[in-house]
Amino acid sequence: MGTTSFVAARDVVESVLSCIDSSGNLELGIVTNRFETIPKPLPVEALLDRIFAEQDAGDRSAKMMELFIAEV
């Protein structure tokens, strides 16, 4: 999409999450002790709030990097 996680605005991240949510071929997961799938419908607003609660761009990027997209 031409941007990095360090400068991605909330609307850009929302569009990615919405795309994953509407896709039949993609799942979103989070890494804790293992990869855990986040069930659909995705809690898009809660995920955005979690990411953008961080003031520092590096911390926001780290929150995004905890999420993984899996092709199913």
PDB file of N, CA and C in Angstrom:
ATOM      1  N   MET A   1       0.807  -1.186   0.000  1.00  0.00           N
ATOM      2  CA  MET A   1       0.000   0.000   0.000  1.00  0.00           C
ATOM      3  C   MET A   1       0.856   1.258   0.000  1.00  0.00           C
ATOM      4  N   GLY A   2       2.148   1.102  -0.079  1.00  0.00           N
ATOM      5  CA  GLY A   2       3.017   2.255  -0.203  1.00  0.00           C
ATOM      6  C   GLY A   2       3.334   2.962   1.091  1.00  0.00           C
ATOM      7  N   THR A   3       3.104   2.321   2.216  1.00  0.00           N
ATOM      8  CA  THR A   3       3.404   2.946   3.500  1.00  0.00           C
ATOM      9  C   THR A   3       3.988   1.888   4.435  1.00  0.00           C
ATOM     10  N   THR A   4       4.561   2.348   5.526  1.00  0.00           N
ATOM     11  CA  THR A   4       5.100   1.411   6.506  1.00  0.00           C
ATOM     12  C   THR A   4       4.283   1.497   7.787  1.00  0.00           C
ATOM     13  N   SER A   5       4.468   0.540   8.651  1.00  0.00           N
ATOM     14  CA  SER A   5       3.724   0.520   9.911  1.00  0.00           C
ATOM     15  C   SER A   5       4.083   1.711  10.798  1.00  0.00           C
ATOM     16  N   PHE A   6       5.244   2.318  10.582  1.00  0.00           N
ATOM     17  CA  PHE A   6       5.647   3.462  11.401  1.00  0.00           C
ATOM     18  C   PHE A   6       4.848   4.721  11.073  1.00  0.00           C
ATOM     19  N   VAL A   7       4.325   4.819   9.868  1.00  0.00           N
ATOM     20  CA  VAL A   7       3.591   6.028   9.471  1.00  0.00           C
ATOM     21  C   VAL A   7       2.149   5.742   9.068  1.00  0.00           C
ATOM     22  N   ALA A   8       1.714   4.511   9.136  1.00  0.00           N
ATOM     23  CA  ALA A   8       0.360   4.148   8.720  1.00  0.00           C
ATOM     24  C   ALA A   8      -0.667   4.843   9.608  1.00  0.00           C
ATOM     25  N   ALA A   9      -1.612   5.506   8.973  1.00  0.00           N
ATOM     26  CA  ALA A   9      -2.694   6.169   9.688  1.00  0.00           C
ATOM     27  C   ALA A   9      -3.785   5.158  10.017  1.00  0.00           C
ATOM     28  N   ARG A  10      -4.629   5.538  10.958  1.00  0.00           N
ATOM     29  CA  ARG A  10      -5.712   4.657  11.415  1.00  0.00           C
ATOM     30  C   ARG A  10      -6.591   4.194  10.256  1.00  0.00           C
ATOM     31  N   ASP A  11      -6.910   5.088   9.319  1.00  0.00           N
ATOM     32  CA  ASP A  11      -7.789   4.704   8.210  1.00  0.00           C
ATOM     33  C   ASP A  11      -7.140   3.681   7.287  1.00  0.00           C
ATOM     34  N   VAL A  12      -5.828   3.750   7.142  1.00  0.00           N
ATOM     35  CA  VAL A  12      -5.120   2.770   6.314  1.00  0.00           C
ATOM     36  C   VAL A  12      -5.146   1.395   6.978  1.00  0.00           C
ATOM     37  N   VAL A  13      -4.873   1.360   8.266  1.00  0.00           N
ATOM     38  CA  VAL A  13      -4.892   0.093   9.001  1.00  0.00           C
ATOM     39  C   VAL A  13      -6.317  -0.467   9.016  1.00  0.00           C
ATOM     40  N   GLU A  14      -7.308   0.403   9.164  1.00  0.00           N
ATOM     41  CA  GLU A  14      -8.700  -0.038   9.146  1.00  0.00           C
ATOM     42  C   GLU A  14      -9.057  -0.682   7.811  1.00  0.00           C
ATOM     43  N   SER A  15      -8.583  -0.115   6.714  1.00  0.00           N
ATOM     44  CA  SER A  15      -8.897  -0.697   5.405  1.00  0.00           C
ATOM     45  C   SER A  15      -8.277  -2.082   5.249  1.00  0.00           C
ATOM     46  N   VAL A  16      -7.091  -2.284   5.787  1.00  0.00           N
ATOM     47  CA  VAL A  16      -6.454  -3.606   5.731  1.00  0.00           C
ATOM     48  C   VAL A  16      -7.243  -4.605   6.569  1.00  0.00           C
ATOM     49  N   LEU A  17      -7.602  -4.211   7.789  1.00  0.00           N
ATOM     50  CA  LEU A  17      -8.363  -5.111   8.658  1.00  0.00           C
ATOM     51  C   LEU A  17      -9.733  -5.438   8.051  1.00  0.00           C
ATOM     52  N   SER A  18     -10.382  -4.454   7.454  1.00  0.00           N
ATOM     53  CA  SER A  18     -11.686  -4.683   6.819  1.00  0.00           C
ATOM     54  C   SER A  18     -11.565  -5.632   5.637  1.00  0.00           C
ATOM     55  N   CYS A  19     -10.495  -5.505   4.885  1.00  0.00           N
ATOM     56  CA  CYS A  19     -10.253  -6.399   3.751  1.00  0.00           C
ATOM     57  C   CYS A  19     -10.080  -7.839   4.238  1.00  0.00           C
ATOM     58  N   ILE A  20      -9.310  -8.018   5.286  1.00  0.00           N
ATOM     59  CA  ILE A  20      -9.108  -9.359   5.857  1.00  0.00           C
ATOM     60  C   ILE A  20     -10.437  -9.906   6.359  1.00  0.00           C
ATOM     61  N   ASP A  21     -11.213  -9.038   7.025  1.00  0.00           N
ATOM     62  CA  ASP A  21     -12.484  -9.456   7.597  1.00  0.00           C
ATOM     63  C   ASP A  21     -13.448  -9.941   6.526  1.00  0.00           C
ATOM     64  N   SER A  22     -13.461  -9.295   5.376  1.00  0.00           N
ATOM     65  CA  SER A  22     -14.407  -9.666   4.320  1.00  0.00           C
ATOM     66  C   SER A  22     -13.884 -10.775   3.405  1.00  0.00           C
ATOM     67  N   SER A  23     -12.629 -11.147   3.542  1.00  0.00           N
ATOM     68  CA  SER A  23     -12.031 -12.172   2.682  1.00  0.00           C
ATOM     69  C   SER A  23     -12.363 -13.575   3.173  1.00  0.00           C
ATOM     70  N   GLY A  24     -12.666 -14.431   2.237  1.00  0.00           N
ATOM     71  CA  GLY A  24     -12.840 -15.840   2.558  1.00  0.00           C
ATOM     72  C   GLY A  24     -11.534 -16.603   2.539  1.00  0.00           C
ATOM     73  N   ASN A  25     -10.457 -15.947   2.105  1.00  0.00           N
ATOM     74  CA  ASN A  25      -9.154 -16.610   1.970  1.00  0.00           C
ATOM     75  C   ASN A  25      -8.129 -16.179   3.006  1.00  0.00           C
ATOM     76  N   LEU A  26      -8.480 -15.192   3.828  1.00  0.00           N
ATOM     77  CA  LEU A  26      -7.520 -14.668   4.800  1.00  0.00           C
ATOM     78  C   LEU A  26      -8.078 -14.733   6.206  1.00  0.00           C
ATOM     79  N   GLU A  27      -7.183 -14.968   7.149  1.00  0.00           N
ATOM     80  CA  GLU A  27      -7.504 -14.912   8.573  1.00  0.00           C
ATOM     81  C   GLU A  27      -6.502 -13.996   9.237  1.00  0.00           C
ATOM     82  N   LEU A  28      -6.901 -13.426  10.362  1.00  0.00           N
ATOM     83  CA  LEU A  28      -5.996 -12.620  11.164  1.00  0.00           C
ATOM     84  C   LEU A  28      -5.708 -13.377  12.437  1.00  0.00           C
ATOM     85  N   GLY A  29      -4.483 -13.347  12.835  1.00  0.00           N
ATOM     86  CA  GLY A  29      -4.101 -14.008  14.069  1.00  0.00           C
ATOM     87  C   GLY A  29      -3.184 -13.127  14.877  1.00  0.00           C
ATOM     88  N   ILE A  30      -3.012 -13.505  16.119  1.00  0.00           N
ATOM     89  CA  ILE A  30      -2.113 -12.802  17.017  1.00  0.00           C
ATOM     90  C   ILE A  30      -1.161 -13.830  17.610  1.00  0.00           C
ATOM     91  N   VAL A  31       0.049 -13.415  17.825  1.00  0.00           N
ATOM     92  CA  VAL A  31       1.042 -14.307  18.400  1.00  0.00           C
ATOM     93  C   VAL A  31       1.128 -14.039  19.893  1.00  0.00           C
ATOM     94  N   THR A  32       0.855 -15.071  20.657  1.00  0.00           N
ATOM     95  CA  THR A  32       1.083 -15.032  22.100  1.00  0.00           C
ATOM     96  C   THR A  32       2.149 -16.089  22.334  1.00  0.00           C
ATOM     97  N   ASN A  33       1.800 -17.186  22.919  1.00  0.00           N
ATOM     98  CA  ASN A  33       2.736 -18.312  23.008  1.00  0.00           C
ATOM     99  C   ASN A  33       2.720 -19.132  21.726  1.00  0.00           C
ATOM    100  N   ARG A  34       1.687 -18.906  20.930  1.00  0.00           N
ATOM    101  CA  ARG A  34       1.524 -19.578  19.650  1.00  0.00           C
ATOM    102  C   ARG A  34       0.634 -18.693  18.785  1.00  0.00           C
ATOM    103  N   PHE A  35       0.453 -19.069  17.541  1.00  0.00           N
ATOM    104  CA  PHE A  35      -0.419 -18.330  16.641  1.00  0.00           C
ATOM    105  C   PHE A  35      -1.859 -18.633  17.015  1.00  0.00           C
ATOM    106  N   GLU A  36      -2.626 -17.610  17.337  1.00  0.00           N
ATOM    107  CA  GLU A  36      -4.037 -17.782  17.663  1.00  0.00           C
ATOM    108  C   GLU A  36      -4.863 -16.991  16.660  1.00  0.00           C
ATOM    109  N   THR A  37      -5.798 -17.666  16.017  1.00  0.00           N
ATOM    110  CA  THR A  37      -6.673 -17.003  15.060  1.00  0.00           C
ATOM    111  C   THR A  37      -7.674 -16.130  15.801  1.00  0.00           C
ATOM    112  N   ILE A  38      -7.895 -14.940  15.277  1.00  0.00           N
ATOM    113  CA  ILE A  38      -8.928 -14.050  15.801  1.00  0.00           C
ATOM    114  C   ILE A  38     -10.182 -14.328  14.993  1.00  0.00           C
ATOM    115  N   PRO A  39     -11.256 -14.777  15.641  1.00  0.00           N
ATOM    116  CA  PRO A  39     -12.453 -15.156  14.890  1.00  0.00           C
ATOM    117  C   PRO A  39     -13.123 -13.971  14.206  1.00  0.00           C
ATOM    118  N   LYS A  40     -13.771 -14.279  13.093  1.00  0.00           N
ATOM    119  CA  LYS A  40     -14.539 -13.278  12.358  1.00  0.00           C
ATOM    120  C   LYS A  40     -15.959 -13.258  12.885  1.00  0.00           C
ATOM    121  N   PRO A  41     -16.649 -12.140  12.856  1.00  0.00           N
ATOM    122  CA  PRO A  41     -16.173 -10.861  12.361  1.00  0.00           C
ATOM    123  C   PRO A  41     -15.095 -10.295  13.277  1.00  0.00           C
ATOM    124  N   LEU A  42     -14.079  -9.740  12.650  1.00  0.00           N
ATOM    125  CA  LEU A  42     -12.968  -9.169  13.408  1.00  0.00           C
ATOM    126  C   LEU A  42     -13.444  -7.983  14.234  1.00  0.00           C
ATOM    127  N   PRO A  43     -12.904  -7.848  15.432  1.00  0.00           N
ATOM    128  CA  PRO A  43     -13.208  -6.669  16.242  1.00  0.00           C
ATOM    129  C   PRO A  43     -12.351  -5.480  15.779  1.00  0.00           C
ATOM    130  N   VAL A  44     -12.660  -4.978  14.599  1.00  0.00           N
ATOM    131  CA  VAL A  44     -11.809  -3.971  13.941  1.00  0.00           C
ATOM    132  C   VAL A  44     -11.574  -2.769  14.833  1.00  0.00           C
ATOM    133  N   GLU A  45     -12.620  -2.209  15.410  1.00  0.00           N
ATOM    134  CA  GLU A  45     -12.449  -1.003  16.244  1.00  0.00           C
ATOM    135  C   GLU A  45     -11.586  -1.293  17.473  1.00  0.00           C
ATOM    136  N   ALA A  46     -11.782  -2.446  18.084  1.00  0.00           N
ATOM    137  CA  ALA A  46     -10.971  -2.809  19.256  1.00  0.00           C
ATOM    138  C   ALA A  46      -9.507  -2.993  18.873  1.00  0.00           C
ATOM    139  N   LEU A  47      -9.253  -3.594  17.716  1.00  0.00           N
ATOM    140  CA  LEU A  47      -7.878  -3.765  17.251  1.00  0.00           C
ATOM    141  C   LEU A  47      -7.239  -2.407  16.956  1.00  0.00           C
ATOM    142  N   LEU A  48      -8.001  -1.517  16.323  1.00  0.00           N
ATOM    143  CA  LEU A  48      -7.485  -0.172  16.040  1.00  0.00           C
ATOM    144  C   LEU A  48      -7.201   0.576  17.333  1.00  0.00           C
ATOM    145  N   ASP A  49      -8.098   0.476  18.292  1.00  0.00           N
ATOM    146  CA  ASP A  49      -7.881   1.145  19.580  1.00  0.00           C
ATOM    147  C   ASP A  49      -6.636   0.616  20.265  1.00  0.00           C
ATOM    148  N   ARG A  50      -6.419  -0.690  20.187  1.00  0.00           N
ATOM    149  CA  ARG A  50      -5.241  -1.316  20.806  1.00  0.00           C
ATOM    150  C   ARG A  50      -3.959  -0.800  20.165  1.00  0.00           C
ATOM    151  N   ILE A  51      -3.967  -0.713  18.848  1.00  0.00           N
ATOM    152  CA  ILE A  51      -2.779  -0.266  18.113  1.00  0.00           C
ATOM    153  C   ILE A  51      -2.527   1.224  18.343  1.00  0.00           C
ATOM    154  N   PHE A  52      -3.568   2.029  18.179  1.00  0.00           N
ATOM    155  CA  PHE A  52      -3.387   3.476  18.196  1.00  0.00           C
ATOM    156  C   PHE A  52      -3.451   4.094  19.586  1.00  0.00           C
ATOM    157  N   ALA A  53      -3.574   3.261  20.608  1.00  0.00           N
ATOM    158  CA  ALA A  53      -3.430   3.745  21.981  1.00  0.00           C
ATOM    159  C   ALA A  53      -1.974   4.094  22.261  1.00  0.00           C
ATOM    160  N   GLU A  54      -1.081   3.506  21.484  1.00  0.00           N
ATOM    161  CA  GLU A  54       0.347   3.759  21.629  1.00  0.00           C
ATOM    162  C   GLU A  54       0.697   5.110  21.006  1.00  0.00           C
ATOM    163  N   GLN A  55       1.392   5.952  21.742  1.00  0.00           N
ATOM    164  CA  GLN A  55       1.782   7.266  21.243  1.00  0.00           C
ATOM    165  C   GLN A  55       3.020   7.207  20.353  1.00  0.00           C
ATOM    166  N   ASP A  56       3.921   6.310  20.678  1.00  0.00           N
ATOM    167  CA  ASP A  56       5.179   6.193  19.935  1.00  0.00           C
ATOM    168  C   ASP A  56       4.981   5.337  18.680  1.00  0.00           C
ATOM    169  N   ALA A  57       5.483   5.828  17.557  1.00  0.00           N
ATOM    170  CA  ALA A  57       5.340   5.104  16.285  1.00  0.00           C
ATOM    171  C   ALA A  57       5.946   3.709  16.359  1.00  0.00           C
ATOM    172  N   GLY A  58       7.049   3.565  17.050  1.00  0.00           N
ATOM    173  CA  GLY A  58       7.674   2.245  17.187  1.00  0.00           C
ATOM    174  C   GLY A  58       6.810   1.284  17.976  1.00  0.00           C
ATOM    175  N   ASP A  59       6.146   1.792  19.005  1.00  0.00           N
ATOM    176  CA  ASP A  59       5.253   0.949  19.803  1.00  0.00           C
ATOM    177  C   ASP A  59       4.009   0.562  19.005  1.00  0.00           C
ATOM    178  N   ARG A  60       3.479   1.505  18.198  1.00  0.00           N
ATOM    179  CA  ARG A  60       2.343   1.173  17.327  1.00  0.00           C
ATOM    180  C   ARG A  60       2.761   0.106  16.321  1.00  0.00           C
ATOM    181  N   SER A  61       3.948   0.258  15.766  1.00  0.00           N
ATOM    182  CA  SER A  61       4.449  -0.724  14.810  1.00  0.00           C
ATOM    183  C   SER A  61       4.575  -2.098  15.468  1.00  0.00           C
ATOM    184  N   ALA A  62       5.061  -2.128  16.698  1.00  0.00           N
ATOM    185  CA  ALA A  62       5.196  -3.398  17.421  1.00  0.00           C
ATOM    186  C   ALA A  62       3.839  -4.053  17.634  1.00  0.00           C
ATOM    187  N   LYS A  63       2.810  -3.255  17.954  1.00  0.00           N
ATOM    188  CA  LYS A  63       1.459  -3.811  18.122  1.00  0.00           C
ATOM    189  C   LYS A  63       0.950  -4.405  16.813  1.00  0.00           C
ATOM    190  N   MET A  64       1.263  -3.728  15.698  1.00  0.00           N
ATOM    191  CA  MET A  64       0.854  -4.263  14.397  1.00  0.00           C
ATOM    192  C   MET A  64       1.610  -5.537  14.070  1.00  0.00           C
ATOM    193  N   MET A  65       2.879  -5.597  14.464  1.00  0.00           N
ATOM    194  CA  MET A  65       3.698  -6.762  14.137  1.00  0.00           C
ATOM    195  C   MET A  65       3.296  -7.989  14.949  1.00  0.00           C
ATOM    196  N   GLU A  66       2.534  -7.813  16.025  1.00  0.00           N
ATOM    197  CA  GLU A  66       2.017  -8.948  16.785  1.00  0.00           C
ATOM    198  C   GLU A  66       0.905  -9.665  16.012  1.00  0.00           C
ATOM    199  N   LEU A  67       0.337  -8.978  15.023  1.00  0.00           N
ATOM    200  CA  LEU A  67      -0.749  -9.537  14.220  1.00  0.00           C
ATOM    201  C   LEU A  67      -0.192 -10.149  12.949  1.00  0.00           C
ATOM    202  N   PHE A  68      -0.740 -11.281  12.567  1.00  0.00           N
ATOM    203  CA  PHE A  68      -0.306 -11.953  11.353  1.00  0.00           C
ATOM    204  C   PHE A  68      -1.497 -12.280  10.476  1.00  0.00           C
ATOM    205  N   ILE A  69      -1.278 -12.199   9.189  1.00  0.00           N
ATOM    206  CA  ILE A  69      -2.288 -12.561   8.208  1.00  0.00           C
ATOM    207  C   ILE A  69      -1.941 -13.947   7.684  1.00  0.00           C
ATOM    208  N   ALA A  70      -2.926 -14.838   7.721  1.00  0.00           N
ATOM    209  CA  ALA A  70      -2.726 -16.205   7.227  1.00  0.00           C
ATOM    210  C   ALA A  70      -3.657 -16.454   6.064  1.00  0.00           C
ATOM    211  N   GLU A  71      -3.129 -17.086   5.024  1.00  0.00           N
ATOM    212  CA  GLU A  71      -3.947 -17.490   3.887  1.00  0.00           C
ATOM    213  C   GLU A  71      -4.515 -18.871   4.179  1.00  0.00           C
ATOM    214  N   VAL A  72      -5.818 -19.012   4.009  1.00  0.00           N
ATOM    215  CA  VAL A  72      -6.461 -20.303   4.300  1.00  0.00           C
ATOM    216  C   VAL A  72      -7.053 -20.900   3.056  1.00  0.00           C
TER     217      VAL A  72
END
